[in-house]
Amino acid sequence: MGIHRVLERLGNHQTVQEMRNHLRSVGVEKFKKISMIVFLIWHYKQDWHSVVNAPQGENDELKKAEAVMAEVSKLLEKCQISQKDAAAKEKIALDAENEVKKRLKEVTDLEDAKRKKIEDLKKKTTEGSLVQRNRAAAELAAVESEDDLPLRKAKTTLEAAKRKAEKATKKCN
């Protein structure tokens, strides 16, 4: 057997019977091939239960890396929460900005409509028959003196939307 040569080189001469009895004590049943771990357990006279259940060593660098990984994981969670908060605040700010744009368009549309109506009436006061000019002048006077409630309401709504947008922008910063 080849194991006898190994034992001779290690200075541990044994008979076949002695070697097999010792190998049986560590759990070897077949003697044609012996694994290296079984040989080392037998050669150094260790209990195979203690070898199998032995810790594989402690690595300080591994512990440091695990600590750093745990810290990085916590920071990542905080960043993800911050990102969600920022996204929510950004959505609020964008909604407020869209509201301002909508209200501004409403105000400009009302102002443009009134300005166009006044321009048309002024043009009619210089064209056409006397009756048409007088009717246009009366309508012009009525349009210029009419209550601008829808326009004032739209401007007030625009100002409120601007304030809301400013608050949302401050929250984002």
N, C-alpha and C. Protein backbone atom coordinates (compact mmCIF):
# COMPACT_ATOMS: atom_id res chain seq x y z
N MET A 1 0.83 -1.20 0.00
CA MET A 1 0.00 0.00 0.00
C MET A 1 0.86 1.25 0.00
N GLY A 2 0.36 2.30 -0.61
CA GLY A 2 1.09 3.53 -0.69
C GLY A 2 1.17 4.27 0.63
N ILE A 3 0.20 4.04 1.51
CA ILE A 3 0.20 4.76 2.78
C ILE A 3 1.36 4.33 3.66
N HIS A 4 1.84 3.10 3.48
CA HIS A 4 2.98 2.64 4.26
C HIS A 4 4.22 3.44 3.90
N ARG A 5 4.37 3.78 2.66
CA ARG A 5 5.53 4.58 2.24
C ARG A 5 5.46 5.97 2.88
N VAL A 6 4.25 6.54 2.91
CA VAL A 6 4.08 7.85 3.54
C VAL A 6 4.44 7.77 5.01
N LEU A 7 3.96 6.73 5.67
CA LEU A 7 4.23 6.58 7.10
C LEU A 7 5.72 6.36 7.36
N GLU A 8 6.39 5.64 6.48
CA GLU A 8 7.83 5.42 6.64
C GLU A 8 8.57 6.74 6.53
N ARG A 9 8.19 7.57 5.59
CA ARG A 9 8.85 8.87 5.43
C ARG A 9 8.58 9.77 6.64
N LEU A 10 7.42 9.62 7.24
CA LEU A 10 7.08 10.42 8.42
C LEU A 10 7.70 9.84 9.69
N GLY A 11 8.31 8.68 9.56
CA GLY A 11 8.94 8.06 10.73
C GLY A 11 7.96 7.34 11.62
N ASN A 12 6.86 6.90 11.07
CA ASN A 12 5.84 6.20 11.85
C ASN A 12 5.61 4.83 11.22
N HIS A 13 6.53 3.90 11.49
CA HIS A 13 6.44 2.57 10.92
C HIS A 13 5.38 1.78 11.67
N GLN A 14 4.44 1.17 10.90
CA GLN A 14 3.40 0.35 11.51
C GLN A 14 3.15 -0.86 10.63
N THR A 15 2.66 -1.88 11.30
CA THR A 15 2.24 -3.04 10.52
C THR A 15 0.90 -2.75 9.90
N VAL A 16 0.50 -3.58 8.94
CA VAL A 16 -0.78 -3.38 8.27
C VAL A 16 -1.90 -3.50 9.28
N GLN A 17 -1.80 -4.47 10.19
CA GLN A 17 -2.85 -4.68 11.19
C GLN A 17 -2.95 -3.47 12.13
N GLU A 18 -1.84 -2.93 12.58
CA GLU A 18 -1.87 -1.76 13.48
C GLU A 18 -2.48 -0.54 12.77
N MET A 19 -2.05 -0.35 11.52
CA MET A 19 -2.56 0.78 10.76
C MET A 19 -4.07 0.67 10.55
N ARG A 20 -4.58 -0.50 10.21
CA ARG A 20 -6.00 -0.68 9.98
C ARG A 20 -6.79 -0.49 11.28
N ASN A 21 -6.27 -0.98 12.37
CA ASN A 21 -6.96 -0.77 13.67
C ASN A 21 -7.06 0.71 13.99
N HIS A 22 -5.98 1.44 13.76
CA HIS A 22 -6.01 2.89 14.03
C HIS A 22 -6.98 3.59 13.08
N LEU A 23 -6.99 3.18 11.82
CA LEU A 23 -7.90 3.81 10.85
C LEU A 23 -9.35 3.50 11.19
N ARG A 24 -9.60 2.28 11.67
CA ARG A 24 -10.97 1.96 12.10
C ARG A 24 -11.40 2.86 13.25
N SER A 25 -10.47 3.24 14.11
CA SER A 25 -10.82 4.09 15.25
C SER A 25 -11.28 5.48 14.81
N VAL A 26 -10.89 5.91 13.63
CA VAL A 26 -11.35 7.21 13.14
C VAL A 26 -12.47 7.06 12.11
N GLY A 27 -12.99 5.85 11.91
CA GLY A 27 -14.17 5.67 11.08
C GLY A 27 -13.92 5.17 9.68
N VAL A 28 -12.71 4.73 9.32
CA VAL A 28 -12.44 4.23 7.98
C VAL A 28 -12.85 2.77 7.93
N GLU A 29 -13.63 2.42 6.90
CA GLU A 29 -14.06 1.04 6.74
C GLU A 29 -13.42 0.38 5.53
N LYS A 30 -13.13 1.15 4.50
CA LYS A 30 -12.47 0.61 3.32
C LYS A 30 -11.07 1.18 3.27
N PHE A 31 -10.12 0.34 2.95
CA PHE A 31 -8.73 0.75 3.07
C PHE A 31 -8.03 0.94 1.73
N LYS A 32 -8.75 0.84 0.61
CA LYS A 32 -8.10 1.00 -0.69
C LYS A 32 -7.76 2.47 -0.95
N LYS A 33 -8.72 3.36 -0.64
CA LYS A 33 -8.47 4.78 -0.84
C LYS A 33 -8.88 5.51 0.43
N ILE A 34 -8.00 6.36 0.90
CA ILE A 34 -8.26 7.12 2.12
C ILE A 34 -8.14 8.60 1.76
N SER A 35 -9.13 9.38 2.19
CA SER A 35 -9.09 10.81 1.88
C SER A 35 -8.02 11.48 2.73
N MET A 36 -7.59 12.63 2.26
CA MET A 36 -6.53 13.36 2.94
C MET A 36 -6.98 13.80 4.33
N ILE A 37 -8.22 14.25 4.48
CA ILE A 37 -8.68 14.71 5.79
C ILE A 37 -8.71 13.56 6.79
N VAL A 38 -9.12 12.38 6.30
CA VAL A 38 -9.14 11.21 7.20
C VAL A 38 -7.72 10.86 7.61
N PHE A 39 -6.80 10.91 6.66
CA PHE A 39 -5.40 10.61 6.98
C PHE A 39 -4.87 11.60 8.01
N LEU A 40 -5.15 12.90 7.83
CA LEU A 40 -4.65 13.91 8.77
C LEU A 40 -5.27 13.75 10.15
N ILE A 41 -6.55 13.41 10.21
CA ILE A 41 -7.19 13.16 11.51
C ILE A 41 -6.50 11.98 12.21
N TRP A 42 -6.24 10.94 11.44
CA TRP A 42 -5.62 9.74 12.02
C TRP A 42 -4.17 10.02 12.40
N HIS A 43 -3.41 10.68 11.52
CA HIS A 43 -1.98 10.92 11.77
C HIS A 43 -1.76 11.81 12.99
N TYR A 44 -2.57 12.85 13.12
CA TYR A 44 -2.40 13.78 14.24
C TYR A 44 -3.25 13.39 15.45
N LYS A 45 -3.89 12.24 15.36
CA LYS A 45 -4.65 11.65 16.46
C LYS A 45 -5.70 12.62 17.01
N GLN A 46 -6.54 13.10 16.11
CA GLN A 46 -7.62 14.01 16.47
C GLN A 46 -8.95 13.28 16.43
N ASP A 47 -9.92 13.82 17.15
CA ASP A 47 -11.28 13.27 17.11
C ASP A 47 -11.98 13.88 15.89
N TRP A 48 -12.54 13.02 15.04
CA TRP A 48 -13.14 13.54 13.80
C TRP A 48 -14.34 14.43 14.07
N HIS A 49 -15.05 14.23 15.20
CA HIS A 49 -16.18 15.11 15.55
C HIS A 49 -15.70 16.53 15.80
N SER A 50 -14.60 16.67 16.51
CA SER A 50 -14.09 18.01 16.79
C SER A 50 -13.56 18.68 15.52
N VAL A 51 -12.99 17.88 14.61
CA VAL A 51 -12.48 18.45 13.35
C VAL A 51 -13.64 18.94 12.48
N VAL A 52 -14.68 18.14 12.37
CA VAL A 52 -15.81 18.50 11.53
C VAL A 52 -16.54 19.73 12.09
N ASN A 53 -16.67 19.81 13.39
CA ASN A 53 -17.42 20.91 14.01
C ASN A 53 -16.54 22.09 14.40
N ALA A 54 -15.26 22.04 14.09
CA ALA A 54 -14.34 23.12 14.46
C ALA A 54 -14.65 24.37 13.64
N PRO A 55 -14.53 25.54 14.26
CA PRO A 55 -14.71 26.77 13.48
C PRO A 55 -13.59 26.88 12.46
N GLN A 56 -13.89 27.50 11.37
CA GLN A 56 -12.93 27.58 10.28
C GLN A 56 -12.01 28.77 10.41
N GLY A 57 -11.90 29.28 11.58
CA GLY A 57 -11.01 30.42 11.80
C GLY A 57 -11.79 31.72 11.81
N GLU A 58 -11.25 32.69 12.49
CA GLU A 58 -11.88 33.99 12.55
C GLU A 58 -11.06 34.97 11.74
N ASN A 59 -11.75 35.72 10.96
CA ASN A 59 -11.09 36.66 10.08
C ASN A 59 -11.52 38.06 10.47
N ASP A 60 -10.57 38.83 11.02
CA ASP A 60 -10.91 40.19 11.46
C ASP A 60 -11.32 41.07 10.29
N GLU A 61 -10.69 40.87 9.14
CA GLU A 61 -11.04 41.66 7.97
C GLU A 61 -12.46 41.36 7.51
N LEU A 62 -12.85 40.08 7.64
CA LEU A 62 -14.22 39.72 7.28
C LEU A 62 -15.22 40.41 8.20
N LYS A 63 -14.91 40.44 9.49
CA LYS A 63 -15.80 41.11 10.44
C LYS A 63 -15.88 42.61 10.14
N LYS A 64 -14.73 43.22 9.81
CA LYS A 64 -14.74 44.64 9.47
C LYS A 64 -15.57 44.88 8.21
N ALA A 65 -15.40 44.00 7.22
CA ALA A 65 -16.16 44.15 5.97
C ALA A 65 -17.65 43.99 6.23
N GLU A 66 -18.02 43.05 7.10
CA GLU A 66 -19.44 42.87 7.42
C GLU A 66 -19.99 44.11 8.12
N ALA A 67 -19.19 44.71 9.02
CA ALA A 67 -19.63 45.92 9.72
C ALA A 67 -19.81 47.06 8.72
N VAL A 68 -18.88 47.21 7.80
CA VAL A 68 -18.97 48.27 6.78
C VAL A 68 -20.18 48.02 5.90
N MET A 69 -20.41 46.76 5.55
CA MET A 69 -21.56 46.42 4.70
C MET A 69 -22.87 46.75 5.41
N ALA A 70 -22.93 46.46 6.71
CA ALA A 70 -24.14 46.79 7.47
C ALA A 70 -24.37 48.30 7.49
N GLU A 71 -23.29 49.06 7.67
CA GLU A 71 -23.41 50.51 7.70
C GLU A 71 -23.84 51.06 6.34
N VAL A 72 -23.25 50.50 5.29
CA VAL A 72 -23.62 50.93 3.94
C VAL A 72 -25.09 50.59 3.66
N SER A 73 -25.54 49.43 4.13
CA SER A 73 -26.94 49.05 3.93
C SER A 73 -27.88 50.04 4.61
N LYS A 74 -27.52 50.46 5.83
CA LYS A 74 -28.34 51.44 6.54
C LYS A 74 -28.37 52.77 5.78
N LEU A 75 -27.21 53.20 5.30
CA LEU A 75 -27.16 54.45 4.55
C LEU A 75 -27.95 54.35 3.25
N LEU A 76 -27.89 53.19 2.61
CA LEU A 76 -28.66 52.99 1.38
C LEU A 76 -30.16 53.09 1.66
N GLU A 77 -30.59 52.49 2.76
CA GLU A 77 -32.02 52.58 3.13
C GLU A 77 -32.42 54.03 3.36
N LYS A 78 -31.56 54.79 4.07
CA LYS A 78 -31.86 56.20 4.32
C LYS A 78 -31.94 56.97 3.01
N CYS A 79 -31.01 56.67 2.10
CA CYS A 79 -31.01 57.35 0.79
C CYS A 79 -32.27 57.02 0.00
N GLN A 80 -32.69 55.77 0.06
CA GLN A 80 -33.89 55.37 -0.67
C GLN A 80 -35.12 56.08 -0.10
N ILE A 81 -35.18 56.20 1.22
CA ILE A 81 -36.29 56.91 1.86
C ILE A 81 -36.24 58.38 1.46
N SER A 82 -35.04 58.97 1.48
CA SER A 82 -34.89 60.37 1.09
C SER A 82 -35.28 60.57 -0.37
N GLN A 83 -34.91 59.61 -1.20
CA GLN A 83 -35.25 59.70 -2.62
C GLN A 83 -36.76 59.66 -2.81
N LYS A 84 -37.44 58.79 -2.07
CA LYS A 84 -38.90 58.72 -2.17
C LYS A 84 -39.53 60.03 -1.71
N ASP A 85 -39.01 60.58 -0.60
CA ASP A 85 -39.53 61.86 -0.11
C ASP A 85 -39.31 62.97 -1.14
N ALA A 86 -38.11 62.98 -1.72
CA ALA A 86 -37.80 64.01 -2.72
C ALA A 86 -38.69 63.86 -3.95
N ALA A 87 -38.95 62.63 -4.35
CA ALA A 87 -39.82 62.40 -5.51
C ALA A 87 -41.25 62.89 -5.20
N ALA A 88 -41.71 62.63 -3.99
CA ALA A 88 -43.06 63.07 -3.61
C ALA A 88 -43.12 64.60 -3.58
N LYS A 89 -42.09 65.23 -3.01
CA LYS A 89 -42.07 66.70 -2.96
C LYS A 89 -41.96 67.29 -4.36
N GLU A 90 -41.17 66.64 -5.21
CA GLU A 90 -41.04 67.13 -6.58
C GLU A 90 -42.38 67.03 -7.32
N LYS A 91 -43.12 65.95 -7.07
CA LYS A 91 -44.43 65.80 -7.71
C LYS A 91 -45.37 66.91 -7.24
N ILE A 92 -45.34 67.22 -5.95
CA ILE A 92 -46.18 68.29 -5.43
C ILE A 92 -45.81 69.62 -6.09
N ALA A 93 -44.49 69.87 -6.21
CA ALA A 93 -44.03 71.12 -6.83
C ALA A 93 -44.45 71.19 -8.30
N LEU A 94 -44.32 70.07 -9.01
CA LEU A 94 -44.72 70.06 -10.42
C LEU A 94 -46.22 70.27 -10.58
N ASP A 95 -47.00 69.65 -9.69
CA ASP A 95 -48.44 69.85 -9.74
C ASP A 95 -48.79 71.32 -9.51
N ALA A 96 -48.10 71.92 -8.53
CA ALA A 96 -48.36 73.34 -8.24
C ALA A 96 -47.96 74.21 -9.42
N GLU A 97 -46.83 73.88 -10.04
CA GLU A 97 -46.38 74.65 -11.20
C GLU A 97 -47.37 74.52 -12.36
N ASN A 98 -47.88 73.32 -12.57
CA ASN A 98 -48.88 73.11 -13.63
C ASN A 98 -50.15 73.89 -13.34
N GLU A 99 -50.52 73.95 -12.07
CA GLU A 99 -51.71 74.72 -11.68
C GLU A 99 -51.50 76.20 -11.98
N VAL A 100 -50.29 76.70 -11.68
CA VAL A 100 -49.98 78.11 -11.97
C VAL A 100 -50.09 78.37 -13.48
N LYS A 101 -49.52 77.47 -14.27
CA LYS A 101 -49.57 77.64 -15.73
C LYS A 101 -51.01 77.65 -16.23
N LYS A 102 -51.82 76.74 -15.67
CA LYS A 102 -53.23 76.66 -16.08
C LYS A 102 -53.96 77.96 -15.74
N ARG A 103 -53.75 78.45 -14.52
CA ARG A 103 -54.43 79.68 -14.10
C ARG A 103 -53.92 80.90 -14.89
N LEU A 104 -52.64 80.93 -15.19
CA LEU A 104 -52.09 82.03 -15.96
C LEU A 104 -52.68 82.04 -17.37
N LYS A 105 -52.84 80.88 -17.95
CA LYS A 105 -53.45 80.78 -19.29
C LYS A 105 -54.90 81.26 -19.24
N GLU A 106 -55.58 80.90 -18.17
CA GLU A 106 -56.98 81.32 -18.01
C GLU A 106 -57.07 82.85 -17.94
N VAL A 107 -56.18 83.46 -17.16
CA VAL A 107 -56.18 84.93 -17.03
C VAL A 107 -55.85 85.59 -18.36
N THR A 108 -54.81 85.09 -19.03
CA THR A 108 -54.44 85.70 -20.31
C THR A 108 -55.53 85.51 -21.35
N ASP A 109 -56.22 84.37 -21.34
CA ASP A 109 -57.32 84.15 -22.28
C ASP A 109 -58.45 85.15 -22.04
N LEU A 110 -58.79 85.38 -20.76
CA LEU A 110 -59.86 86.35 -20.45
C LEU A 110 -59.45 87.76 -20.86
N GLU A 111 -58.18 88.12 -20.55
CA GLU A 111 -57.71 89.46 -20.92
C GLU A 111 -57.68 89.62 -22.44
N ASP A 112 -57.20 88.61 -23.15
CA ASP A 112 -57.14 88.67 -24.62
C ASP A 112 -58.54 88.77 -25.22
N ALA A 113 -59.48 88.01 -24.66
CA ALA A 113 -60.85 88.06 -25.19
C ALA A 113 -61.44 89.46 -25.01
N LYS A 114 -61.24 90.06 -23.85
CA LYS A 114 -61.78 91.39 -23.61
C LYS A 114 -61.10 92.42 -24.50
N ARG A 115 -59.76 92.31 -24.63
CA ARG A 115 -59.02 93.25 -25.47
C ARG A 115 -59.45 93.13 -26.93
N LYS A 116 -59.67 91.92 -27.40
CA LYS A 116 -60.10 91.72 -28.80
C LYS A 116 -61.51 92.28 -29.02
N LYS A 117 -62.36 92.08 -28.03
CA LYS A 117 -63.73 92.59 -28.16
C LYS A 117 -63.73 94.12 -28.22
N ILE A 118 -62.87 94.74 -27.38
CA ILE A 118 -62.78 96.21 -27.37
C ILE A 118 -62.22 96.70 -28.70
N GLU A 119 -61.19 96.00 -29.21
CA GLU A 119 -60.61 96.42 -30.50
C GLU A 119 -61.63 96.31 -31.63
N ASP A 120 -62.40 95.24 -31.63
CA ASP A 120 -63.43 95.05 -32.66
C ASP A 120 -64.49 96.15 -32.58
N LEU A 121 -64.89 96.47 -31.35
CA LEU A 121 -65.91 97.52 -31.19
C LEU A 121 -65.37 98.88 -31.59
N LYS A 122 -64.10 99.15 -31.28
CA LYS A 122 -63.51 100.43 -31.68
C LYS A 122 -63.45 100.53 -33.20
N LYS A 123 -63.14 99.42 -33.82
CA LYS A 123 -63.08 99.39 -35.29
C LYS A 123 -64.47 99.63 -35.88
N LYS A 124 -65.50 99.04 -35.24
CA LYS A 124 -66.86 99.20 -35.74
C LYS A 124 -67.37 100.64 -35.54
N THR A 125 -66.80 101.35 -34.55
CA THR A 125 -67.25 102.74 -34.34
C THR A 125 -66.78 103.66 -35.45
N THR A 126 -65.81 103.22 -36.22
CA THR A 126 -65.32 104.06 -37.33
C THR A 126 -65.83 103.59 -38.68
N GLU A 127 -66.46 102.42 -38.71
CA GLU A 127 -66.94 101.86 -39.98
C GLU A 127 -68.45 101.69 -39.96
N GLY A 128 -69.03 101.61 -41.10
CA GLY A 128 -70.45 101.32 -41.22
C GLY A 128 -71.32 102.54 -41.13
N SER A 129 -72.64 102.29 -41.03
CA SER A 129 -73.62 103.37 -40.99
C SER A 129 -73.62 104.01 -39.61
N LEU A 130 -74.34 105.11 -39.51
CA LEU A 130 -74.41 105.85 -38.26
C LEU A 130 -75.02 105.01 -37.16
N VAL A 131 -76.03 104.24 -37.46
CA VAL A 131 -76.70 103.38 -36.47
C VAL A 131 -75.72 102.31 -35.97
N GLN A 132 -74.98 101.72 -36.92
CA GLN A 132 -74.02 100.67 -36.53
C GLN A 132 -72.90 101.26 -35.68
N ARG A 133 -72.46 102.47 -36.02
CA ARG A 133 -71.39 103.10 -35.24
C ARG A 133 -71.87 103.44 -33.84
N ASN A 134 -73.11 103.97 -33.74
CA ASN A 134 -73.66 104.30 -32.42
C ASN A 134 -73.86 103.04 -31.57
N ARG A 135 -74.36 101.97 -32.20
CA ARG A 135 -74.55 100.70 -31.48
C ARG A 135 -73.18 100.19 -30.99
N ALA A 136 -72.15 100.26 -31.84
CA ALA A 136 -70.80 99.80 -31.46
C ALA A 136 -70.25 100.66 -30.33
N ALA A 137 -70.51 101.98 -30.37
CA ALA A 137 -70.03 102.88 -29.31
C ALA A 137 -70.72 102.55 -28.00
N ALA A 138 -72.03 102.24 -28.05
CA ALA A 138 -72.76 101.88 -26.83
C ALA A 138 -72.23 100.55 -26.26
N GLU A 139 -72.00 99.58 -27.16
CA GLU A 139 -71.47 98.29 -26.70
C GLU A 139 -70.06 98.47 -26.12
N LEU A 140 -69.28 99.34 -26.75
CA LEU A 140 -67.92 99.59 -26.26
C LEU A 140 -67.97 100.20 -24.86
N ALA A 141 -68.86 101.14 -24.67
CA ALA A 141 -68.99 101.76 -23.34
C ALA A 141 -69.44 100.72 -22.32
N ALA A 142 -70.35 99.82 -22.74
CA ALA A 142 -70.83 98.78 -21.83
C ALA A 142 -69.71 97.79 -21.48
N VAL A 143 -68.92 97.41 -22.48
CA VAL A 143 -67.83 96.45 -22.25
C VAL A 143 -66.77 97.06 -21.35
N GLU A 144 -66.45 98.33 -21.59
CA GLU A 144 -65.42 98.97 -20.78
C GLU A 144 -65.88 99.20 -19.35
N SER A 145 -67.16 99.36 -19.12
CA SER A 145 -67.65 99.63 -17.76
C SER A 145 -68.20 98.39 -17.07
N GLU A 146 -68.22 97.25 -17.76
CA GLU A 146 -68.81 96.05 -17.14
C GLU A 146 -67.90 95.53 -16.02
N ASP A 147 -68.51 94.78 -15.14
CA ASP A 147 -67.80 94.22 -13.98
C ASP A 147 -66.84 93.11 -14.46
N ASP A 148 -65.61 93.22 -14.03
CA ASP A 148 -64.60 92.24 -14.42
C ASP A 148 -64.45 91.13 -13.37
N LEU A 149 -65.54 90.65 -12.86
CA LEU A 149 -65.49 89.62 -11.81
C LEU A 149 -64.77 88.35 -12.26
N PRO A 150 -65.07 87.80 -13.44
CA PRO A 150 -64.35 86.58 -13.83
C PRO A 150 -62.83 86.79 -13.94
N LEU A 151 -62.45 87.98 -14.43
CA LEU A 151 -61.02 88.26 -14.56
C LEU A 151 -60.38 88.44 -13.19
N ARG A 152 -61.04 89.14 -12.31
CA ARG A 152 -60.49 89.32 -10.96
C ARG A 152 -60.41 87.99 -10.22
N LYS A 153 -61.44 87.16 -10.40
CA LYS A 153 -61.45 85.84 -9.77
C LYS A 153 -60.29 84.98 -10.31
N ALA A 154 -60.07 85.05 -11.61
CA ALA A 154 -58.99 84.29 -12.22
C ALA A 154 -57.63 84.78 -11.71
N LYS A 155 -57.48 86.10 -11.55
CA LYS A 155 -56.22 86.66 -11.04
C LYS A 155 -55.99 86.25 -9.58
N THR A 156 -57.05 86.26 -8.79
CA THR A 156 -56.95 85.83 -7.39
C THR A 156 -56.55 84.35 -7.31
N THR A 157 -57.16 83.54 -8.14
CA THR A 157 -56.83 82.12 -8.18
C THR A 157 -55.38 81.92 -8.62
N LEU A 158 -54.92 82.75 -9.56
CA LEU A 158 -53.54 82.68 -10.01
C LEU A 158 -52.58 83.02 -8.88
N GLU A 159 -52.89 84.05 -8.12
CA GLU A 159 -52.03 84.43 -6.99
C GLU A 159 -51.98 83.31 -5.95
N ALA A 160 -53.11 82.69 -5.69
CA ALA A 160 -53.13 81.58 -4.73
C ALA A 160 -52.30 80.41 -5.24
N ALA A 161 -52.40 80.13 -6.52
CA ALA A 161 -51.61 79.04 -7.10
C ALA A 161 -50.13 79.35 -7.04
N LYS A 162 -49.76 80.63 -7.23
CA LYS A 162 -48.35 81.03 -7.12
C LYS A 162 -47.83 80.82 -5.70
N ARG A 163 -48.63 81.22 -4.72
CA ARG A 163 -48.21 81.02 -3.32
C ARG A 163 -48.04 79.54 -3.00
N LYS A 164 -48.96 78.73 -3.48
CA LYS A 164 -48.89 77.29 -3.26
C LYS A 164 -47.63 76.71 -3.91
N ALA A 165 -47.32 77.17 -5.10
CA ALA A 165 -46.12 76.70 -5.81
C ALA A 165 -44.87 77.11 -5.06
N GLU A 166 -44.86 78.32 -4.52
CA GLU A 166 -43.69 78.79 -3.75
C GLU A 166 -43.48 77.93 -2.50
N LYS A 167 -44.57 77.61 -1.82
CA LYS A 167 -44.46 76.74 -0.63
C LYS A 167 -43.93 75.36 -1.02
N ALA A 168 -44.43 74.82 -2.10
CA ALA A 168 -43.97 73.50 -2.55
C ALA A 168 -42.51 73.54 -2.94
N THR A 169 -42.09 74.63 -3.57
CA THR A 169 -40.68 74.76 -3.96
C THR A 169 -39.79 74.87 -2.73
N LYS A 170 -40.25 75.60 -1.70
CA LYS A 170 -39.47 75.69 -0.47
C LYS A 170 -39.33 74.34 0.21
N LYS A 171 -40.38 73.52 0.17
CA LYS A 171 -40.32 72.19 0.78
C LYS A 171 -39.32 71.30 0.05
N CYS A 172 -39.21 71.49 -1.25
CA CYS A 172 -38.27 70.68 -2.04
C CYS A 172 -36.83 71.02 -1.73
N ASN A 173 -36.58 72.25 -1.37
CA ASN A 173 -35.20 72.67 -1.08
C ASN A 173 -34.91 72.38 0.34
